[in-house]
Protein backbone atom coordinates (compact mmCIF):
# COMPACT_ATOMS: atom_id res chain seq x y z
CA MET A 1 100.52 110.81 145.83
CA ARG A 2 101.04 112.27 149.32
CA ILE A 3 98.36 114.25 151.19
CA THR A 4 99.92 117.42 152.44
CA PRO A 5 99.35 119.05 155.94
CA ASP A 6 97.65 121.82 154.09
CA MET A 7 95.28 119.41 152.09
CA SER A 8 94.61 117.53 155.55
CA GLN A 9 93.68 120.64 157.33
CA PHE A 10 91.63 121.71 154.24
CA LEU A 11 89.44 118.48 154.36
CA ALA A 12 89.38 118.62 157.95
CA ASP A 13 87.74 122.31 157.96
CA MET A 14 85.73 121.59 155.01
CA GLU A 15 81.75 121.42 155.43
CA TYR A 16 80.31 118.08 154.09
CA PRO A 17 78.59 116.74 152.09
CA ALA A 18 80.38 118.40 149.10
CA THR A 19 80.68 117.72 145.51
CA ARG A 20 84.21 118.18 143.63
CA ASP A 21 83.06 121.64 142.43
CA ASP A 22 82.41 122.56 146.20
CA LEU A 23 85.98 121.36 147.15
CA LEU A 24 87.64 123.17 144.14
CA ARG A 25 85.80 126.53 144.95
CA GLU A 26 86.81 126.32 148.57
CA ALA A 27 89.95 125.20 147.78
CA ASN A 28 90.95 128.33 145.61
CA ARG A 29 89.18 130.46 148.07
CA ASP A 30 91.28 129.16 151.02
CA GLY A 31 94.52 129.47 148.86
CA LEU A 32 95.34 125.59 148.87
CA GLY A 33 98.64 125.15 146.56
CA PRO A 34 98.48 124.06 142.79
CA ALA A 35 99.48 120.35 143.47
CA ASP A 36 96.60 119.86 146.13
CA ILE A 37 94.21 121.51 143.61
CA ALA A 38 95.19 119.20 140.85
CA LEU A 39 94.39 116.22 143.30
CA LEU A 40 90.95 117.67 143.90
CA GLU A 41 90.32 118.11 139.96
CA ASP A 42 91.07 114.47 139.59
CA LEU A 43 88.53 113.21 141.94
CA PRO A 44 85.29 111.83 140.21
CA GLU A 45 82.23 114.16 140.27
CA GLN A 46 80.08 113.24 143.17
CA SER A 47 79.32 114.08 146.44
CA TYR A 48 81.57 113.60 149.33
CA SER A 49 80.33 112.66 152.77
CA ALA A 50 83.51 113.22 154.75
CA GLY A 51 87.28 114.11 154.53
CA TRP A 52 87.90 110.28 155.00
CA HIS A 53 86.02 109.74 151.83
CA ILE A 54 88.19 111.90 149.56
CA LYS A 55 91.40 110.59 151.25
CA TYR A 56 90.23 107.22 150.30
CA ARG A 57 89.56 108.16 146.78
CA LEU A 58 92.85 109.67 146.63
CA GLY A 59 94.67 106.84 147.64
CA ALA A 60 92.77 104.20 145.84
CA ARG A 61 93.61 106.07 142.68
CA ALA A 62 97.40 106.33 143.63
CA LEU A 63 97.33 102.38 144.35
CA SER A 64 95.86 101.50 141.11
CA GLY A 65 98.40 103.75 139.32
CA ALA A 66 101.09 101.81 140.98
CA PHE A 67 100.08 98.26 140.11
CA THR A 68 99.38 98.59 136.37
CA SER A 69 102.14 96.96 134.53
CA VAL A 70 103.69 98.47 131.64
CA GLU A 71 104.91 95.16 130.11
CA PRO A 72 103.29 91.87 129.95
CA ALA A 73 104.26 89.51 132.37
CA LEU A 74 106.15 86.49 131.23
CA ALA A 75 104.40 82.88 131.13
């Protein structure tokens, strides 16, 4: 997961607090790219207090996927 410059600018310009639905509505209105909109769609439905809060959620989700093991560890 990579935060694009467009996403960073969008989050900086967004008015907070904002719900996921608020973010999606404004992202579509502002013409944010489909990959960025898909990231916003995957956010939990809650109120976000600032852009860093959203970046934290996106980063935590990417990290949790990076550390899941497909195969069991050998003992």
